[in-house]
């Protein structure tokens, strides 16, 4: 990767935690996901990261909810790289693998290490919530083998430098193939602090280095997102924006849609002399050719 490479811009379209009491633009129904995907793609997104919901907004891990959302998005935008979440608390590994096998998204997120996972309120001086997010090597390998069998590209979500190092034994075992797609997740309590220097440090630890054959980028949580996006863009990385990660534009205005957030990321890329990747270019960079979708 280098500054000459186009930027893959991913839209984190909904997430599974936030709701419309916090941001009215969060999509719940398949039609709303499709409308938000259209806004994001029109502004430069080439990949959509999906957490499924039922039409009342409840997080879902059911095949039919993922199917309805995916079908609605593709009917609206024609082609975009589809990326499913696999991270969950209290949801069986078997259920998460089931929707991957049934629907075969282009990409699926793969969390690369167990960790404390929390939200802390400085105003309250207390945790809003805290838990242990289990992602053992056994879990990682089970998900990875299923992805390999179904031709799904893993997106390695790394919340700290040690999670990047967890790629090493999987590469040695031969169950990972280049080019890797590595996302540095920053801003979650329990993970690495969201600073430019820490992102540069994580990028240096990508196998082969930040300028090698592997794709890497940043997922910044909350308003630190914009500093981290600026850093990734100047270091040659890819970026993600969307209502799962952050509701606000750099001036503090709440986004009206995912399109507002993706437009801001695109302008930032252009301001440093880079351009956003098309869907076709993204597929080439990741090695995810377009394929026929699985019929219901």
Protein backbone atom coordinates (compact mmCIF):
# COMPACT_ATOMS: atom_id res chain seq x y z
CA UNK A 1 0.00 0.00 0.00
CA UNK A 2 1.13 3.53 -0.72
CA UNK A 3 -0.14 7.07 -1.12
CA UNK A 4 -0.55 6.36 -4.83
CA UNK A 5 -3.05 3.58 -4.13
CA UNK A 6 -6.76 4.44 -4.15
CA UNK A 7 -8.46 4.50 -0.75
CA UNK A 8 -11.00 1.84 0.14
CA UNK A 9 -13.77 3.66 2.00
CA UNK A 10 -16.03 1.38 4.04
CA UNK A 11 -19.38 2.44 5.47
CA UNK A 12 -20.32 0.99 8.88
CA UNK A 13 -23.98 1.45 8.17
CA UNK A 14 -25.79 0.71 11.44
CA UNK A 15 -23.94 -1.18 14.16
CA UNK A 16 -25.77 -3.20 16.78
CA UNK A 17 -25.65 -1.03 19.91
CA UNK A 18 -26.88 2.49 19.11
CA UNK A 19 -30.52 3.30 18.43
CA UNK A 20 -32.69 6.08 17.03
CA UNK A 21 -33.00 7.77 20.40
CA UNK A 22 -29.31 8.58 19.92
CA UNK A 23 -29.32 9.20 16.16
CA UNK A 24 -32.47 9.30 14.03
CA UNK A 25 -30.63 8.23 10.86
CA UNK A 26 -29.76 4.69 12.01
CA UNK A 27 -31.47 2.23 9.65
CA UNK A 28 -33.69 -0.54 10.96
CA UNK A 29 -35.66 -1.94 8.00
CA UNK A 30 -34.17 -3.41 4.81
CA UNK A 31 -35.53 -0.45 2.83
CA UNK A 32 -33.80 1.97 5.21
CA UNK A 33 -30.53 0.05 4.93
CA UNK A 34 -30.85 0.27 1.15
CA UNK A 35 -31.47 4.03 1.22
CA UNK A 36 -28.49 4.57 3.52
CA UNK A 37 -26.30 2.37 1.32
CA UNK A 38 -27.28 4.46 -1.70
CA UNK A 39 -26.26 7.65 0.10
CA UNK A 40 -22.94 6.09 1.15
CA UNK A 41 -22.09 4.63 -2.26
CA UNK A 42 -22.98 7.89 -4.00
CA UNK A 43 -20.39 9.64 -1.79
CA UNK A 44 -17.62 7.11 -2.40
CA UNK A 45 -18.10 4.03 -0.23
CA UNK A 46 -17.18 0.78 -1.96
CA UNK A 47 -17.81 -1.60 0.96
CA UNK A 48 -20.77 -1.81 3.36
CA UNK A 49 -20.22 -3.37 6.80
CA UNK A 50 -23.47 -4.90 8.04
CA UNK A 51 -24.83 -5.71 11.48
CA UNK A 52 -28.32 -7.09 10.90
CA UNK A 53 -31.42 -5.83 12.69
CA UNK A 54 -35.08 -6.75 12.72
CA UNK A 55 -37.42 -4.07 11.40
CA UNK A 56 -37.98 -2.77 14.95
CA UNK A 57 -34.25 -2.20 15.36
CA UNK A 58 -33.39 -5.21 17.51
CA UNK A 59 -29.96 -6.69 16.68
CA UNK A 60 -30.33 -9.96 14.77
CA UNK A 61 -28.11 -12.89 13.87
CA UNK A 62 -30.75 -14.65 11.81
CA UNK A 63 -30.07 -15.67 8.23
CA UNK A 64 -33.28 -14.14 6.93
CA UNK A 65 -32.57 -10.70 8.39
CA UNK A 66 -29.07 -10.64 6.89
CA UNK A 67 -30.56 -11.87 3.60
CA UNK A 68 -33.30 -9.24 3.48
CA UNK A 69 -30.86 -6.41 4.21
CA UNK A 70 -28.25 -7.64 1.73
CA UNK A 71 -30.79 -8.17 -1.04
CA UNK A 72 -32.28 -4.71 -0.49
CA UNK A 73 -28.85 -3.04 -0.60
CA UNK A 74 -27.76 -4.81 -3.78
CA UNK A 75 -31.10 -4.13 -5.47
CA UNK A 76 -30.57 -0.44 -4.75
CA UNK A 77 -26.88 0.06 -5.57
CA UNK A 78 -26.17 -2.70 -8.10
CA UNK A 79 -22.76 -3.70 -6.80
CA UNK A 80 -20.86 -3.01 -3.60
CA UNK A 81 -18.56 -5.17 -1.48
CA UNK A 82 -20.73 -6.77 1.23
CA UNK A 83 -19.07 -7.20 4.62
CA UNK A 84 -20.82 -9.05 7.49
CA UNK A 85 -20.02 -8.64 11.16
CA UNK A 86 -19.28 -11.83 13.10
CA UNK A 87 -18.56 -10.25 16.48
CA UNK A 88 -21.15 -10.93 19.16
CA UNK A 89 -21.68 -11.41 22.87
CA UNK A 90 -23.83 -14.35 23.91
CA UNK A 91 -24.45 -15.59 20.35
CA UNK A 92 -23.20 -19.06 19.49
CA UNK A 93 -20.38 -19.60 17.03
CA UNK A 94 -22.64 -21.99 15.13
CA UNK A 95 -25.26 -19.29 14.53
CA UNK A 96 -22.65 -16.83 13.29
CA UNK A 97 -21.16 -19.39 10.92
CA UNK A 98 -24.64 -20.32 9.68
CA UNK A 99 -25.34 -16.92 8.12
CA UNK A 100 -21.87 -16.83 6.58
CA UNK A 101 -22.38 -20.21 4.92
CA UNK A 102 -25.93 -19.43 3.81
CA UNK A 103 -25.25 -16.01 2.29
CA UNK A 104 -21.53 -15.98 1.47
CA UNK A 105 -20.73 -12.27 1.83
CA UNK A 106 -17.65 -10.98 0.03
CA UNK A 107 -15.96 -10.12 3.34
CA UNK A 108 -16.57 -10.96 7.01
CA UNK A 109 -15.05 -9.25 10.01
CA UNK A 110 -12.81 -11.47 12.16
CA UNK A 111 -11.92 -10.15 15.61
CA UNK A 112 -8.32 -11.06 16.37
CA UNK A 113 -8.14 -11.37 20.14
CA UNK A 114 -10.00 -11.60 23.43
CA UNK A 115 -10.13 -8.40 25.46
CA UNK A 116 -11.88 -6.30 28.06
CA UNK A 117 -14.57 -4.40 26.13
CA UNK A 118 -16.23 -1.44 27.79
CA UNK A 119 -17.68 2.04 27.61
CA UNK A 120 -16.59 4.44 30.33
CA UNK A 121 -18.24 7.72 31.34
CA UNK A 122 -15.85 10.37 32.66
CA UNK A 123 -18.83 12.48 33.70
CA UNK A 124 -20.21 9.65 35.85
CA UNK A 125 -16.78 8.29 36.77
CA UNK A 126 -18.13 4.84 36.14
CA UNK A 127 -18.52 2.25 33.41
CA UNK A 128 -21.61 2.39 31.23
CA UNK A 129 -20.98 -1.30 30.56
CA UNK A 130 -18.05 -3.68 30.69
CA UNK A 131 -17.58 -7.26 29.62
CA UNK A 132 -15.01 -9.69 28.27
CA UNK A 133 -15.11 -10.03 24.48
CA UNK A 134 -14.05 -13.64 23.80
CA UNK A 135 -12.06 -14.24 20.63
CA UNK A 136 -9.78 -17.16 21.43
CA UNK A 137 -7.53 -18.77 18.84
CA UNK A 138 -10.04 -21.64 18.76
CA UNK A 139 -12.86 -19.22 17.88
CA UNK A 140 -10.71 -17.35 15.35
CA UNK A 141 -9.59 -20.54 13.60
CA UNK A 142 -13.12 -21.99 13.51
CA UNK A 143 -14.48 -18.83 11.88
CA UNK A 144 -11.49 -18.58 9.55
CA UNK A 145 -11.82 -22.15 8.30
CA UNK A 146 -15.51 -21.56 7.54
CA UNK A 147 -14.65 -18.35 5.67
CA UNK A 148 -11.95 -20.13 3.67
CA UNK A 149 -14.35 -22.94 2.74
CA UNK A 150 -16.94 -20.44 1.50
CA UNK A 151 -14.53 -18.10 -0.31
CA UNK A 152 -15.15 -15.23 2.12
CA UNK A 153 -12.35 -12.69 2.66
CA UNK A 154 -11.61 -12.13 6.37
CA UNK A 155 -11.24 -8.58 7.62
CA UNK A 156 -8.93 -8.83 10.61
CA UNK A 157 -10.19 -6.40 13.26
CA UNK A 158 -7.29 -5.63 15.60
CA UNK A 159 -7.97 -3.64 18.77
CA UNK A 160 -4.33 -3.58 19.89
CA UNK A 161 -0.88 -4.32 18.52
CA UNK A 162 -0.91 -7.82 20.00
CA UNK A 163 -3.95 -8.66 17.89
CA UNK A 164 -1.89 -7.94 14.77
CA UNK A 165 0.78 -10.31 16.11
CA UNK A 166 -1.93 -12.97 16.38
CA UNK A 167 -1.84 -13.15 12.59
CA UNK A 168 1.66 -14.65 12.68
CA UNK A 169 0.80 -18.23 13.70
CA UNK A 170 -2.16 -18.30 11.29
CA UNK A 171 0.12 -17.28 8.43
CA UNK A 172 2.64 -19.92 9.48
CA UNK A 173 -0.14 -22.54 9.57
CA UNK A 174 -1.07 -21.63 6.00
CA UNK A 175 -4.72 -20.81 6.75
CA UNK A 176 -4.32 -17.16 5.79
CA UNK A 177 -3.52 -15.95 2.28
CA UNK A 178 -2.21 -12.58 1.13
CA UNK A 179 -3.27 -9.97 0.56
CA UNK A 180 -4.59 -9.64 4.10
CA UNK A 181 -7.16 -7.01 5.03
CA UNK A 182 -6.29 -5.58 8.45
CA UNK A 183 -8.34 -2.97 10.31
CA UNK A 184 -6.88 -1.14 13.32
CA UNK A 185 -9.81 -0.55 15.66
CA UNK A 186 -9.14 2.37 17.99
CA UNK A 187 -11.18 4.16 20.65
CA UNK A 188 -12.74 1.21 22.49
CA UNK A 189 -12.08 1.11 26.23
CA UNK A 190 -9.98 -2.02 26.67
CA UNK A 191 -8.11 -1.53 23.39
CA UNK A 192 -5.29 0.75 22.26
CA UNK A 193 -5.65 4.50 22.80
CA UNK A 194 -6.85 6.40 19.70
CA UNK A 195 -3.82 8.50 18.83
CA UNK A 196 -2.00 9.18 15.57
CA UNK A 197 1.25 7.80 16.97
CA UNK A 198 -0.45 4.58 18.04
CA UNK A 199 -1.98 4.13 14.60
CA UNK A 200 1.44 4.61 13.00
CA UNK A 201 2.80 2.02 15.45
CA UNK A 202 0.07 -0.47 14.52
CA UNK A 203 0.63 0.12 10.81
CA UNK A 204 4.34 -0.62 11.24
CA UNK A 205 3.39 -3.98 12.74
CA UNK A 206 1.28 -5.09 9.76
CA UNK A 207 2.93 -8.20 8.28
CA UNK A 208 5.25 -7.01 5.53
CA UNK A 209 5.07 -3.42 6.78
CA UNK A 210 2.61 -0.64 5.92
CA UNK A 211 3.89 -0.38 2.33
CA UNK A 212 3.75 -4.11 1.61
CA UNK A 213 1.18 -6.22 -0.22
CA UNK A 214 -1.38 -6.33 2.60
CA UNK A 215 -4.25 -3.87 2.90
CA UNK A 216 -4.64 -2.03 6.18
CA UNK A 217 -6.84 0.74 7.47
CA UNK A 218 -8.41 2.34 10.52
CA UNK A 219 -11.72 2.06 12.32
CA UNK A 220 -11.96 5.03 14.68
CA UNK A 221 -14.67 5.01 17.33
CA UNK A 222 -16.41 8.26 18.39
CA UNK A 223 -15.14 11.73 17.49
CA UNK A 224 -11.49 10.68 17.49
CA UNK A 225 -12.43 9.08 14.18
CA UNK A 226 -11.53 12.14 12.12
CA UNK A 227 -7.99 12.47 13.50
CA UNK A 228 -7.45 8.78 12.88
CA UNK A 229 -8.86 8.95 9.35
CA UNK A 230 -6.51 11.86 8.58
CA UNK A 231 -3.59 9.84 9.93
CA UNK A 232 -4.46 6.72 7.93
CA UNK A 233 -4.87 8.71 4.74
CA UNK A 234 -1.44 10.33 5.07
CA UNK A 235 0.18 6.96 5.87
CA UNK A 236 -1.37 5.24 2.84
CA UNK A 237 -4.12 3.31 4.65
CA UNK A 238 -7.82 2.73 4.06
CA UNK A 239 -10.62 4.22 6.16
CA UNK A 240 -14.05 3.47 7.58
CA UNK A 241 -16.83 5.86 8.58
CA UNK A 242 -20.48 5.43 9.40
CA UNK A 243 -23.15 5.58 12.06
CA UNK A 244 -21.89 2.45 13.84
CA UNK A 245 -18.69 4.27 14.75
CA UNK A 246 -19.55 7.95 15.13
CA UNK A 247 -22.58 10.21 14.71
CA UNK A 248 -20.78 13.53 14.37
CA UNK A 249 -18.98 15.54 11.73
CA UNK A 250 -15.72 17.31 12.67
CA UNK A 251 -17.56 20.54 13.57
CA UNK A 252 -19.76 18.71 16.07
CA UNK A 253 -22.85 18.62 13.86
CA UNK A 254 -24.77 15.34 13.99
CA UNK A 255 -24.75 13.58 10.63
CA UNK A 256 -28.06 13.44 8.79
CA UNK A 257 -27.09 10.13 7.21
CA UNK A 258 -24.20 7.80 6.53
CA UNK A 259 -23.76 9.79 3.34
CA UNK A 260 -22.66 12.84 5.31
CA UNK A 261 -19.92 10.83 7.05
CA UNK A 262 -18.69 9.14 3.88
CA UNK A 263 -18.65 12.50 2.05
CA UNK A 264 -16.42 13.92 4.80
CA UNK A 265 -14.03 10.95 4.53
CA UNK A 266 -13.91 11.33 0.74
CA UNK A 267 -13.14 15.05 0.96
CA UNK A 268 -10.34 14.34 3.42
CA UNK A 269 -8.86 11.77 1.04
CA UNK A 270 -9.00 14.25 -1.82
CA UNK A 271 -7.44 16.97 0.33
CA UNK A 272 -4.30 14.86 0.77
CA UNK A 273 -4.12 14.00 -2.91
CA UNK A 274 -5.71 10.57 -2.83
CA UNK A 275 -8.86 9.31 -4.51
CA UNK A 276 -11.42 6.80 -3.35
CA UNK A 277 -11.43 3.33 -4.86
CA UNK A 278 -14.27 2.22 -7.07
CA UNK A 279 -16.08 -1.00 -6.23
CA UNK A 280 -14.20 -2.74 -9.05
CA UNK A 281 -10.85 -1.47 -7.75
CA UNK A 282 -11.74 -2.54 -4.21
CA UNK A 283 -12.53 -6.04 -5.44
CA UNK A 284 -9.18 -6.19 -7.23
CA UNK A 285 -7.27 -4.89 -4.19
CA UNK A 286 -8.90 -7.39 -1.83
CA UNK A 287 -9.16 -10.32 -4.22
CA UNK A 288 -12.96 -10.52 -3.91
CA UNK A 289 -14.42 -10.98 -7.39
CA UNK A 290 -18.10 -10.31 -7.88
CA UNK A 291 -20.12 -13.49 -7.65
CA UNK A 292 -23.72 -14.52 -8.04
CA UNK A 293 -25.67 -14.04 -4.87
CA UNK A 294 -27.29 -17.06 -3.22
CA UNK A 295 -31.00 -17.12 -4.03
CA UNK A 296 -33.55 -17.45 -1.23
